[in-house]
PDB file of all heavy atoms in Angstrom:
ATOM      1  N   THR A   1     -10.930 -10.858   4.358  1.00  0.00           N
ATOM      2  CA  THR A   1     -10.107 -11.992   4.742  1.00  0.00           C
ATOM      3  C   THR A   1      -8.907 -11.600   5.607  1.00  0.00           C
ATOM      4  O   THR A   1      -8.047 -12.457   5.874  1.00  0.00           O
ATOM      5  CB  THR A   1      -9.608 -12.799   3.509  1.00  0.00           C
ATOM      6  OG1 THR A   1      -8.900 -11.948   2.613  1.00  0.00           O
ATOM      7  CG2 THR A   1     -10.773 -13.465   2.830  1.00  0.00           C
ATOM      8  N   THR A   2      -8.875 -10.329   6.054  1.00  0.00           N
ATOM      9  CA  THR A   2      -7.757  -9.976   6.976  1.00  0.00           C
ATOM     10  C   THR A   2      -7.909 -10.594   8.289  1.00  0.00           C
ATOM     11  O   THR A   2      -9.027 -10.901   8.757  1.00  0.00           O
ATOM     12  CB  THR A   2      -7.729  -8.418   7.122  1.00  0.00           C
ATOM     13  OG1 THR A   2      -8.949  -7.964   7.580  1.00  0.00           O
ATOM     14  CG2 THR A   2      -7.284  -7.724   5.810  1.00  0.00           C
ATOM     15  N   SER A   3      -6.825 -10.951   8.948  1.00  0.00           N
ATOM     16  CA  SER A   3      -6.873 -11.557  10.263  1.00  0.00           C
ATOM     17  C   SER A   3      -7.525 -10.653  11.296  1.00  0.00           C
ATOM     18  O   SER A   3      -7.501  -9.435  11.153  1.00  0.00           O
ATOM     19  CB  SER A   3      -5.474 -11.981  10.729  1.00  0.00           C
ATOM     20  OG  SER A   3      -4.714 -10.802  11.011  1.00  0.00           O
ATOM     21  N   GLN A   4      -8.072 -11.179  12.365  1.00  0.00           N
ATOM     22  CA  GLN A   4      -8.722 -10.393  13.377  1.00  0.00           C
ATOM     23  C   GLN A   4      -7.670  -9.490  14.120  1.00  0.00           C
ATOM     24  O   GLN A   4      -7.976  -8.454  14.573  1.00  0.00           O
ATOM     25  CB  GLN A   4      -9.459 -11.284  14.351  1.00  0.00           C
ATOM     26  CG  GLN A   4     -10.696 -11.973  13.723  1.00  0.00           C
ATOM     27  CD  GLN A   4     -11.456 -12.870  14.682  1.00  0.00           C
ATOM     28  OE1 GLN A   4     -11.185 -12.860  15.877  1.00  0.00           O
ATOM     29  NE2 GLN A   4     -12.314 -13.679  14.106  1.00  0.00           N
ATOM     30  N   ASP A   5      -6.481 -10.027  14.244  1.00  0.00           N
ATOM     31  CA  ASP A   5      -5.396  -9.211  14.865  1.00  0.00           C
ATOM     32  C   ASP A   5      -5.122  -7.946  14.067  1.00  0.00           C
ATOM     33  O   ASP A   5      -5.022  -6.815  14.598  1.00  0.00           O
ATOM     34  CB  ASP A   5      -4.153 -10.061  15.034  1.00  0.00           C
ATOM     35  CG  ASP A   5      -4.174 -10.888  16.230  1.00  0.00           C
ATOM     36  OD1 ASP A   5      -4.224 -10.388  17.391  1.00  0.00           O
ATOM     37  OD2 ASP A   5      -4.143 -12.130  16.072  1.00  0.00           O
ATOM     38  N   SER A   6      -5.050  -8.172  12.702  1.00  0.00           N
ATOM     39  CA  SER A   6      -4.690  -7.038  11.902  1.00  0.00           C
ATOM     40  C   SER A   6      -5.850  -6.125  11.590  1.00  0.00           C
ATOM     41  O   SER A   6      -5.699  -5.013  11.054  1.00  0.00           O
ATOM     42  CB  SER A   6      -4.097  -7.579  10.530  1.00  0.00           C
ATOM     43  OG  SER A   6      -5.053  -8.247   9.749  1.00  0.00           O
ATOM     44  N   SER A   7      -7.091  -6.579  11.877  1.00  0.00           N
ATOM     45  CA  SER A   7      -8.261  -5.713  11.679  1.00  0.00           C
ATOM     46  C   SER A   7      -8.519  -4.708  12.786  1.00  0.00           C
ATOM     47  O   SER A   7      -9.423  -3.937  12.673  1.00  0.00           O
ATOM     48  CB  SER A   7      -9.518  -6.607  11.567  1.00  0.00           C
ATOM     49  OG  SER A   7      -9.482  -7.454  10.376  1.00  0.00           O
ATOM     50  N   ALA A   8      -7.681  -4.718  13.806  1.00  0.00           N
ATOM     51  CA  ALA A   8      -7.749  -3.686  14.879  1.00  0.00           C
ATOM     52  C   ALA A   8      -7.560  -2.317  14.266  1.00  0.00           C
ATOM     53  O   ALA A   8      -6.805  -2.175  13.282  1.00  0.00           O
ATOM     54  CB  ALA A   8      -6.749  -3.983  15.925  1.00  0.00           C
ATOM     55  N   LYS A   9      -8.171  -1.315  14.821  1.00  0.00           N
ATOM     56  CA  LYS A   9      -8.115   0.057  14.260  1.00  0.00           C
ATOM     57  C   LYS A   9      -6.684   0.621  14.324  1.00  0.00           C
ATOM     58  O   LYS A   9      -6.249   1.281  13.365  1.00  0.00           O
ATOM     59  CB  LYS A   9      -9.030   0.957  15.073  1.00  0.00           C
ATOM     60  CG  LYS A   9     -10.524   0.525  14.963  1.00  0.00           C
ATOM     61  CD  LYS A   9     -11.392   1.408  15.901  1.00  0.00           C
ATOM     62  CE  LYS A   9     -11.146   1.034  17.331  1.00  0.00           C
ATOM     63  NZ  LYS A   9     -12.053   1.826  18.259  1.00  0.00           N
ATOM     64  N   ASN A  10      -6.005   0.373  15.429  1.00  0.00           N
ATOM     65  CA  ASN A  10      -4.728   1.039  15.661  1.00  0.00           C
ATOM     66  C   ASN A  10      -3.530   0.249  15.110  1.00  0.00           C
ATOM     67  O   ASN A  10      -2.439   0.795  14.998  1.00  0.00           O
ATOM     68  CB  ASN A  10      -4.511   1.302  17.151  1.00  0.00           C
ATOM     69  CG  ASN A  10      -5.559   2.160  17.745  1.00  0.00           C
ATOM     70  OD1 ASN A  10      -6.169   3.059  17.076  1.00  0.00           O
ATOM     71  ND2 ASN A  10      -5.894   1.949  19.057  1.00  0.00           N
ATOM     72  N   VAL A  11      -3.776  -1.017  14.837  1.00  0.00           N
ATOM     73  CA  VAL A  11      -2.730  -1.871  14.202  1.00  0.00           C
ATOM     74  C   VAL A  11      -2.491  -1.411  12.797  1.00  0.00           C
ATOM     75  O   VAL A  11      -3.371  -1.052  12.031  1.00  0.00           O
ATOM     76  CB  VAL A  11      -3.140  -3.311  14.273  1.00  0.00           C
ATOM     77  CG1 VAL A  11      -2.331  -4.200  13.325  1.00  0.00           C
ATOM     78  CG2 VAL A  11      -3.037  -3.904  15.683  1.00  0.00           C
ATOM     79  N   VAL A  12      -1.152  -1.390  12.356  1.00  0.00           N
ATOM     80  CA  VAL A  12      -0.884  -1.250  11.001  1.00  0.00           C
ATOM     81  C   VAL A  12      -0.943  -2.613  10.330  1.00  0.00           C
ATOM     82  O   VAL A  12      -0.131  -3.461  10.519  1.00  0.00           O
ATOM     83  CB  VAL A  12       0.561  -0.604  10.764  1.00  0.00           C
ATOM     84  CG1 VAL A  12       0.858  -0.505   9.301  1.00  0.00           C
ATOM     85  CG2 VAL A  12       0.621   0.762  11.448  1.00  0.00           C
ATOM     86  N   CYS A  13      -2.052  -2.782   9.582  1.00  0.00           N
ATOM     87  CA  CYS A  13      -2.268  -4.056   8.856  1.00  0.00           C
ATOM     88  C   CYS A  13      -1.457  -4.026   7.532  1.00  0.00           C
ATOM     89  O   CYS A  13      -1.568  -3.115   6.759  1.00  0.00           O
ATOM     90  CB  CYS A  13      -3.742  -4.194   8.545  1.00  0.00           C
ATOM     91  SG  CYS A  13      -4.163  -5.618   7.534  1.00  0.00           S
ATOM     92  N   VAL A  14      -0.595  -5.009   7.357  1.00  0.00           N
ATOM     93  CA  VAL A  14       0.310  -5.070   6.227  1.00  0.00           C
ATOM     94  C   VAL A  14      -0.147  -6.126   5.253  1.00  0.00           C
ATOM     95  O   VAL A  14      -0.163  -7.304   5.479  1.00  0.00           O
ATOM     96  CB  VAL A  14       1.764  -5.371   6.668  1.00  0.00           C
ATOM     97  CG1 VAL A  14       2.701  -5.323   5.459  1.00  0.00           C
ATOM     98  CG2 VAL A  14       2.233  -4.331   7.706  1.00  0.00           C
ATOM     99  N   GLY A  15      -0.501  -5.650   4.034  1.00  0.00           N
ATOM    100  CA  GLY A  15      -0.781  -6.457   2.905  1.00  0.00           C
ATOM    101  C   GLY A  15       0.458  -6.660   2.058  1.00  0.00           C
ATOM    102  O   GLY A  15       1.548  -6.331   2.502  1.00  0.00           O
ATOM    103  N   ALA A  16       0.251  -7.107   0.820  1.00  0.00           N
ATOM    104  CA  ALA A  16       1.440  -7.447  -0.002  1.00  0.00           C
ATOM    105  C   ALA A  16       1.077  -7.454  -1.505  1.00  0.00           C
ATOM    106  O   ALA A  16      -0.081  -7.669  -1.859  1.00  0.00           O
ATOM    107  CB  ALA A  16       2.072  -8.702   0.457  1.00  0.00           C
ATOM    108  N   VAL A  17       2.120  -7.276  -2.297  1.00  0.00           N
ATOM    109  CA  VAL A  17       1.970  -7.420  -3.789  1.00  0.00           C
ATOM    110  C   VAL A  17       3.195  -8.202  -4.177  1.00  0.00           C
ATOM    111  O   VAL A  17       4.237  -8.251  -3.568  1.00  0.00           O
ATOM    112  CB  VAL A  17       1.958  -6.084  -4.478  1.00  0.00           C
ATOM    113  CG1 VAL A  17       0.719  -5.266  -4.213  1.00  0.00           C
ATOM    114  CG2 VAL A  17       3.190  -5.242  -4.149  1.00  0.00           C
ATOM    115  N   TYR A  18       3.031  -8.951  -5.342  1.00  0.00           N
ATOM    116  CA  TYR A  18       4.101  -9.636  -5.977  1.00  0.00           C
ATOM    117  C   TYR A  18       4.987  -8.686  -6.718  1.00  0.00           C
ATOM    118  O   TYR A  18       4.500  -7.933  -7.602  1.00  0.00           O
ATOM    119  CB  TYR A  18       3.518 -10.720  -6.935  1.00  0.00           C
ATOM    120  CG  TYR A  18       3.009 -11.977  -6.261  1.00  0.00           C
ATOM    121  CD1 TYR A  18       1.745 -12.042  -5.776  1.00  0.00           C
ATOM    122  CD2 TYR A  18       3.871 -13.073  -6.160  1.00  0.00           C
ATOM    123  CE1 TYR A  18       1.273 -13.203  -5.136  1.00  0.00           C
ATOM    124  CE2 TYR A  18       3.419 -14.258  -5.574  1.00  0.00           C
ATOM    125  CZ  TYR A  18       2.074 -14.295  -5.048  1.00  0.00           C
ATOM    126  OH  TYR A  18       1.652 -15.505  -4.430  1.00  0.00           O
ATOM    127  N   HIS A  19       6.273  -8.787  -6.537  1.00  0.00           N
ATOM    128  CA  HIS A  19       7.260  -7.834  -7.291  1.00  0.00           C
ATOM    129  C   HIS A  19       7.760  -8.560  -8.516  1.00  0.00           C
ATOM    130  O   HIS A  19       8.525  -8.007  -9.333  1.00  0.00           O
ATOM    131  CB  HIS A  19       8.326  -7.359  -6.485  1.00  0.00           C
ATOM    132  CG  HIS A  19       9.240  -8.363  -5.858  1.00  0.00           C
ATOM    133  ND1 HIS A  19      10.078  -9.173  -6.588  1.00  0.00           N
ATOM    134  CD2 HIS A  19       9.441  -8.786  -4.581  1.00  0.00           C
ATOM    135  CE1 HIS A  19      10.756  -9.983  -5.832  1.00  0.00           C
ATOM    136  NE2 HIS A  19      10.358  -9.767  -4.477  1.00  0.00           N
ATOM    137  N   GLN A  20       7.376  -9.872  -8.712  1.00  0.00           N
ATOM    138  CA  GLN A  20       7.786 -10.668  -9.884  1.00  0.00           C
ATOM    139  C   GLN A  20       9.254 -10.823 -10.006  1.00  0.00           C
ATOM    140  O   GLN A  20       9.759 -11.134 -11.129  1.00  0.00           O
ATOM    141  CB  GLN A  20       7.165 -10.049 -11.170  1.00  0.00           C
ATOM    142  CG  GLN A  20       5.725  -9.692 -11.096  1.00  0.00           C
ATOM    143  CD  GLN A  20       4.809 -10.832 -10.929  1.00  0.00           C
ATOM    144  OE1 GLN A  20       5.214 -11.997 -11.070  1.00  0.00           O
ATOM    145  NE2 GLN A  20       3.577 -10.568 -10.573  1.00  0.00           N
ATOM    146  N   ASN A  21       9.987 -10.568  -8.943  1.00  0.00           N
ATOM    147  CA  ASN A  21      11.479 -10.729  -8.955  1.00  0.00           C
ATOM    148  C   ASN A  21      12.172  -9.781  -9.967  1.00  0.00           C
ATOM    149  O   ASN A  21      13.150 -10.142 -10.613  1.00  0.00           O
ATOM    150  CB  ASN A  21      11.891 -12.192  -9.227  1.00  0.00           C
ATOM    151  CG  ASN A  21      13.202 -12.547  -8.548  1.00  0.00           C
ATOM    152  OD1 ASN A  21      13.622 -11.876  -7.616  1.00  0.00           O
ATOM    153  ND2 ASN A  21      13.807 -13.565  -9.019  1.00  0.00           N
ATOM    154  N   THR A  22      11.578  -8.650 -10.202  1.00  0.00           N
ATOM    155  CA  THR A  22      12.232  -7.599 -10.996  1.00  0.00           C
ATOM    156  C   THR A  22      12.378  -6.324 -10.213  1.00  0.00           C
ATOM    157  O   THR A  22      11.721  -6.075  -9.189  1.00  0.00           O
ATOM    158  CB  THR A  22      11.374  -7.293 -12.235  1.00  0.00           C
ATOM    159  OG1 THR A  22      10.183  -6.604 -11.877  1.00  0.00           O
ATOM    160  CG2 THR A  22      10.956  -8.586 -12.963  1.00  0.00           C
ATOM    161  N   SER A  23      13.252  -5.410 -10.707  1.00  0.00           N
ATOM    162  CA  SER A  23      13.420  -4.163  -9.996  1.00  0.00           C
ATOM    163  C   SER A  23      12.393  -3.136 -10.379  1.00  0.00           C
ATOM    164  O   SER A  23      12.337  -2.043  -9.829  1.00  0.00           O
ATOM    165  CB  SER A  23      14.821  -3.587 -10.311  1.00  0.00           C
ATOM    166  OG  SER A  23      14.987  -3.407 -11.719  1.00  0.00           O
ATOM    167  N   SER A  24      11.557  -3.392 -11.354  1.00  0.00           N
ATOM    168  CA  SER A  24      10.504  -2.464 -11.858  1.00  0.00           C
ATOM    169  C   SER A  24       9.251  -2.564 -11.047  1.00  0.00           C
ATOM    170  O   SER A  24       8.819  -3.676 -10.678  1.00  0.00           O
ATOM    171  CB  SER A  24      10.216  -2.757 -13.327  1.00  0.00           C
ATOM    172  OG  SER A  24       9.050  -2.023 -13.706  1.00  0.00           O
ATOM    173  N   LEU A  25       8.724  -1.409 -10.675  1.00  0.00           N
ATOM    174  CA  LEU A  25       7.367  -1.415 -10.006  1.00  0.00           C
ATOM    175  C   LEU A  25       6.236  -1.641 -10.962  1.00  0.00           C
ATOM    176  O   LEU A  25       5.121  -1.923 -10.618  1.00  0.00           O
ATOM    177  CB  LEU A  25       7.156  -0.144  -9.219  1.00  0.00           C
ATOM    178  CG  LEU A  25       8.210   0.146  -8.062  1.00  0.00           C
ATOM    179  CD1 LEU A  25       7.872   1.462  -7.418  1.00  0.00           C
ATOM    180  CD2 LEU A  25       8.116  -0.979  -7.011  1.00  0.00           C
ATOM    181  N   GLY A  26       6.538  -1.467 -12.267  1.00  0.00           N
ATOM    182  CA  GLY A  26       5.524  -1.463 -13.320  1.00  0.00           C
ATOM    183  C   GLY A  26       4.829  -2.782 -13.507  1.00  0.00           C
ATOM    184  O   GLY A  26       3.674  -2.907 -13.979  1.00  0.00           O
ATOM    185  N   ASP A  27       5.511  -3.926 -13.102  1.00  0.00           N
ATOM    186  CA  ASP A  27       4.924  -5.205 -13.321  1.00  0.00           C
ATOM    187  C   ASP A  27       4.433  -5.835 -12.007  1.00  0.00           C
ATOM    188  O   ASP A  27       3.972  -6.981 -11.973  1.00  0.00           O
ATOM    189  CB  ASP A  27       5.870  -6.192 -14.039  1.00  0.00           C
ATOM    190  CG  ASP A  27       7.126  -6.428 -13.230  1.00  0.00           C
ATOM    191  OD1 ASP A  27       7.307  -5.781 -12.137  1.00  0.00           O
ATOM    192  OD2 ASP A  27       7.977  -7.229 -13.613  1.00  0.00           O
ATOM    193  N   ASP A  28       4.429  -5.090 -10.909  1.00  0.00           N
ATOM    194  CA  ASP A  28       3.977  -5.567  -9.635  1.00  0.00           C
ATOM    195  C   ASP A  28       2.418  -5.741  -9.753  1.00  0.00           C
ATOM    196  O   ASP A  28       1.749  -5.000 -10.380  1.00  0.00           O
ATOM    197  CB  ASP A  28       4.267  -4.560  -8.541  1.00  0.00           C
ATOM    198  CG  ASP A  28       5.738  -4.432  -8.219  1.00  0.00           C
ATOM    199  OD1 ASP A  28       6.511  -5.117  -8.953  1.00  0.00           O
ATOM    200  OD2 ASP A  28       6.118  -3.673  -7.364  1.00  0.00           O
ATOM    201  N   GLN A  29       1.919  -6.763  -9.011  1.00  0.00           N
ATOM    202  CA  GLN A  29       0.479  -6.961  -8.977  1.00  0.00           C
ATOM    203  C   GLN A  29       0.122  -7.727  -7.677  1.00  0.00           C
ATOM    204  O   GLN A  29       0.914  -8.430  -7.077  1.00  0.00           O
ATOM    205  CB  GLN A  29      -0.006  -7.806 -10.233  1.00  0.00           C
ATOM    206  CG  GLN A  29       0.667  -9.136 -10.339  1.00  0.00           C
ATOM    207  CD  GLN A  29       0.247  -9.804 -11.664  1.00  0.00           C
ATOM    208  OE1 GLN A  29      -0.401  -9.238 -12.521  1.00  0.00           O
ATOM    209  NE2 GLN A  29       0.672 -11.049 -11.855  1.00  0.00           N
ATOM    210  N   TRP A  30      -1.119  -7.534  -7.302  1.00  0.00           N
ATOM    211  CA  TRP A  30      -1.550  -8.085  -6.025  1.00  0.00           C
ATOM    212  C   TRP A  30      -1.640  -9.607  -6.085  1.00  0.00           C
ATOM    213  O   TRP A  30      -1.230 -10.331  -5.216  1.00  0.00           O
ATOM    214  CB  TRP A  30      -2.882  -7.525  -5.599  1.00  0.00           C
ATOM    215  CG  TRP A  30      -3.529  -8.191  -4.473  1.00  0.00           C
ATOM    216  CD1 TRP A  30      -3.153  -8.122  -3.170  1.00  0.00           C
ATOM    217  CD2 TRP A  30      -4.653  -9.127  -4.502  1.00  0.00           C
ATOM    218  NE1 TRP A  30      -3.967  -8.913  -2.358  1.00  0.00           N
ATOM    219  CE2 TRP A  30      -4.910  -9.481  -3.156  1.00  0.00           C
ATOM    220  CE3 TRP A  30      -5.512  -9.514  -5.508  1.00  0.00           C
ATOM    221  CZ2 TRP A  30      -5.961 -10.311  -2.797  1.00  0.00           C
ATOM    222  CZ3 TRP A  30      -6.543 -10.354  -5.163  1.00  0.00           C
ATOM    223  CH2 TRP A  30      -6.786 -10.712  -3.812  1.00  0.00           C
ATOM    224  N   GLU A  31      -2.184 -10.133  -7.187  1.00  0.00           N
ATOM    225  CA  GLU A  31      -2.392 -11.601  -7.297  1.00  0.00           C
ATOM    226  C   GLU A  31      -1.432 -12.192  -8.326  1.00  0.00           C
ATOM    227  O   GLU A  31      -1.263 -11.674  -9.382  1.00  0.00           O
ATOM    228  CB  GLU A  31      -3.838 -11.887  -7.724  1.00  0.00           C
ATOM    229  CG  GLU A  31      -4.215 -13.305  -7.818  1.00  0.00           C
ATOM    230  CD  GLU A  31      -5.648 -13.555  -8.301  1.00  0.00           C
ATOM    231  OE1 GLU A  31      -6.340 -12.590  -8.498  1.00  0.00           O
ATOM    232  OE2 GLU A  31      -6.044 -14.699  -8.376  1.00  0.00           O
ATOM    233  N   ASN A  32      -0.801 -13.286  -7.934  1.00  0.00           N
ATOM    234  CA  ASN A  32       0.082 -14.021  -8.825  1.00  0.00           C
ATOM    235  C   ASN A  32      -0.840 -14.924  -9.654  1.00  0.00           C
ATOM    236  O   ASN A  32      -1.397 -15.901  -9.174  1.00  0.00           O
ATOM    237  CB  ASN A  32       1.065 -14.812  -8.050  1.00  0.00           C
ATOM    238  CG  ASN A  32       2.080 -15.515  -8.985  1.00  0.00           C
ATOM    239  OD1 ASN A  32       1.892 -15.526 -10.186  1.00  0.00           O
ATOM    240  ND2 ASN A  32       3.109 -16.152  -8.405  1.00  0.00           N
ATOM    241  N   HIS A  33      -0.995 -14.546 -10.942  1.00  0.00           N
ATOM    242  CA  HIS A  33      -1.914 -15.314 -11.748  1.00  0.00           C
ATOM    243  C   HIS A  33      -1.338 -16.682 -12.277  1.00  0.00           C
ATOM    244  O   HIS A  33      -2.037 -17.393 -12.966  1.00  0.00           O
ATOM    245  CB  HIS A  33      -2.314 -14.473 -13.003  1.00  0.00           C
ATOM    246  CG  HIS A  33      -3.075 -13.225 -12.613  1.00  0.00           C
ATOM    247  ND1 HIS A  33      -4.419 -13.304 -12.248  1.00  0.00           N
ATOM    248  CD2 HIS A  33      -2.728 -11.935 -12.488  1.00  0.00           C
ATOM    249  CE1 HIS A  33      -4.864 -12.067 -11.882  1.00  0.00           C
ATOM    250  NE2 HIS A  33      -3.845 -11.263 -12.084  1.00  0.00           N
ATOM    251  N   GLY A  34      -0.144 -16.940 -11.939  1.00  0.00           N
ATOM    252  CA  GLY A  34       0.483 -18.209 -12.264  1.00  0.00           C
ATOM    253  C   GLY A  34       0.275 -19.229 -11.106  1.00  0.00           C
ATOM    254  O   GLY A  34      -0.598 -20.078 -11.197  1.00  0.00           O
ATOM    255  N   SER A  35       1.055 -19.133 -10.089  1.00  0.00           N
ATOM    256  CA  SER A  35       0.963 -20.032  -8.956  1.00  0.00           C
ATOM    257  C   SER A  35       1.256 -19.289  -7.663  1.00  0.00           C
ATOM    258  O   SER A  35       1.698 -18.115  -7.683  1.00  0.00           O
ATOM    259  CB  SER A  35       1.902 -21.240  -9.166  1.00  0.00           C
ATOM    260  OG  SER A  35       3.242 -20.722  -9.226  1.00  0.00           O
ATOM    261  N   GLY A  36       1.082 -19.967  -6.595  1.00  0.00           N
ATOM    262  CA  GLY A  36       1.369 -19.317  -5.288  1.00  0.00           C
ATOM    263  C   GLY A  36       0.104 -18.867  -4.581  1.00  0.00           C
ATOM    264  O   GLY A  36      -0.962 -18.825  -5.158  1.00  0.00           O
ATOM    265  N   SER A  37       0.280 -18.510  -3.318  1.00  0.00           N
ATOM    266  CA  SER A  37      -0.871 -18.108  -2.553  1.00  0.00           C
ATOM    267  C   SER A  37      -1.132 -16.602  -2.795  1.00  0.00           C
ATOM    268  O   SER A  37      -0.394 -15.934  -3.509  1.00  0.00           O
ATOM    269  CB  SER A  37      -0.621 -18.337  -1.068  1.00  0.00           C
ATOM    270  OG  SER A  37       0.649 -17.720  -0.628  1.00  0.00           O
ATOM    271  N   THR A  38      -2.182 -16.127  -2.207  1.00  0.00           N
ATOM    272  CA  THR A  38      -2.637 -14.745  -2.470  1.00  0.00           C
ATOM    273  C   THR A  38      -2.780 -13.996  -1.116  1.00  0.00           C
ATOM    274  O   THR A  38      -3.351 -14.511  -0.213  1.00  0.00           O
ATOM    275  CB  THR A  38      -3.962 -14.741  -3.241  1.00  0.00           C
ATOM    276  OG1 THR A  38      -3.891 -15.508  -4.411  1.00  0.00           O
ATOM    277  CG2 THR A  38      -4.449 -13.336  -3.533  1.00  0.00           C
ATOM    278  N   PRO A  39      -2.318 -12.719  -1.082  1.00  0.00           N
ATOM    279  CA  PRO A  39      -2.478 -12.005   0.147  1.00  0.00           C
ATOM    280  C   PRO A  39      -3.939 -11.758   0.522  1.00  0.00           C
ATOM    281  O   PRO A  39      -4.810 -11.699  -0.365  1.00  0.00           O
ATOM    282  CB  PRO A  39      -1.773 -10.649  -0.226  1.00  0.00           C
ATOM    283  CG  PRO A  39      -0.953 -10.932  -1.375  1.00  0.00           C
ATOM    284  CD  PRO A  39      -1.588 -11.962  -2.107  1.00  0.00           C
ATOM    285  N   ALA A  40      -4.195 -11.661   1.784  1.00  0.00           N
ATOM    286  CA  ALA A  40      -5.549 -11.296   2.247  1.00  0.00           C
ATOM    287  C   ALA A  40      -5.886  -9.921   1.871  1.00  0.00           C
ATOM    288  O   ALA A  40      -5.060  -9.082   1.563  1.00  0.00           O
ATOM    289  CB  ALA A  40      -5.617 -11.460   3.771  1.00  0.00           C
ATOM    290  N   GLN A  41      -7.215  -9.600   1.820  1.00  0.00           N
ATOM    291  CA  GLN A  41      -7.669  -8.254   1.442  1.00  0.00           C
ATOM    292  C   GLN A  41      -8.820  -7.848   2.323  1.00  0.00           C
ATOM    293  O   GLN A  41      -9.501  -8.678   2.922  1.00  0.00           O
ATOM    294  CB  GLN A  41      -8.038  -8.193  -0.021  1.00  0.00           C
ATOM    295  CG  GLN A  41      -9.239  -9.058  -0.402  1.00  0.00           C
ATOM    296  CD  GLN A  41      -9.652  -8.952  -1.845  1.00  0.00           C
ATOM    297  OE1 GLN A  41      -9.690  -7.824  -2.319  1.00  0.00           O
ATOM    298  NE2 GLN A  41      -9.867 -10.057  -2.509  1.00  0.00           N
ATOM    299  N   GLY A  42      -9.042  -6.522   2.378  1.00  0.00           N
ATOM    300  CA  GLY A  42     -10.156  -5.998   3.150  1.00  0.00           C
ATOM    301  C   GLY A  42     -11.433  -5.905   2.269  1.00  0.00           C
ATOM    302  O   GLY A  42     -11.502  -6.530   1.215  1.00  0.00           O
ATOM    303  N   PRO A  43     -12.403  -5.129   2.789  1.00  0.00           N
ATOM    304  CA  PRO A  43     -12.349  -4.296   3.921  1.00  0.00           C
ATOM    305  C   PRO A  43     -12.642  -5.117   5.164  1.00  0.00           C
ATOM    306  O   PRO A  43     -12.890  -6.334   5.102  1.00  0.00           O
ATOM    307  CB  PRO A  43     -13.525  -3.297   3.685  1.00  0.00           C
ATOM    308  CG  PRO A  43     -14.473  -4.123   2.866  1.00  0.00           C
ATOM    309  CD  PRO A  43     -13.653  -5.002   2.017  1.00  0.00           C
ATOM    310  N   THR A  44     -12.656  -4.456   6.323  1.00  0.00           N
ATOM    311  CA  THR A  44     -13.076  -5.113   7.560  1.00  0.00           C
ATOM    312  C   THR A  44     -14.583  -5.226   7.505  1.00  0.00           C
ATOM    313  O   THR A  44     -15.284  -4.633   6.648  1.00  0.00           O
ATOM    314  CB  THR A  44     -12.736  -4.222   8.760  1.00  0.00           C
ATOM    315  OG1 THR A  44     -13.343  -2.959   8.744  1.00  0.00           O
ATOM    316  CG2 THR A  44     -11.217  -4.045   8.875  1.00  0.00           C
ATOM    317  N   ASP A  45     -15.120  -6.003   8.416  1.00  0.00           N
ATOM    318  CA  ASP A  45     -16.602  -6.217   8.422  1.00  0.00           C
ATOM    319  C   ASP A  45     -17.361  -4.886   8.568  1.00  0.00           C
ATOM    320  O   ASP A  45     -18.525  -4.782   8.124  1.00  0.00           O
ATOM    321  CB  ASP A  45     -16.957  -7.178   9.527  1.00  0.00           C
ATOM    322  CG  ASP A  45     -16.910  -8.630   8.984  1.00  0.00           C
ATOM    323  OD1 ASP A  45     -16.554  -8.875   7.830  1.00  0.00           O
ATOM    324  OD2 ASP A  45     -17.188  -9.558   9.783  1.00  0.00           O
ATOM    325  N   ASP A  46     -16.789  -3.941   9.309  1.00  0.00           N
ATOM    326  CA  ASP A  46     -17.535  -2.663   9.515  1.00  0.00           C
ATOM    327  C   ASP A  46     -17.131  -1.626   8.473  1.00  0.00           C
ATOM    328  O   ASP A  46     -17.398  -0.426   8.642  1.00  0.00           O
ATOM    329  CB  ASP A  46     -17.271  -2.152  10.935  1.00  0.00           C
ATOM    330  CG  ASP A  46     -15.864  -1.881  11.243  1.00  0.00           C
ATOM    331  OD1 ASP A  46     -14.929  -2.239  10.491  1.00  0.00           O
ATOM    332  OD2 ASP A  46     -15.589  -1.223  12.304  1.00  0.00           O
TER     333      ASP A  46
END
């Protein structure tokens, strides 16, 4: 589901994780299981 612009080989494609509004990295996660949208993920088609 990455955008075609970000799927270019030389582009630095930037994804994201939820930091849960805390200073700890230990509770970070890719998907917010409560509410909110979800970052795109790879891989590319090739």
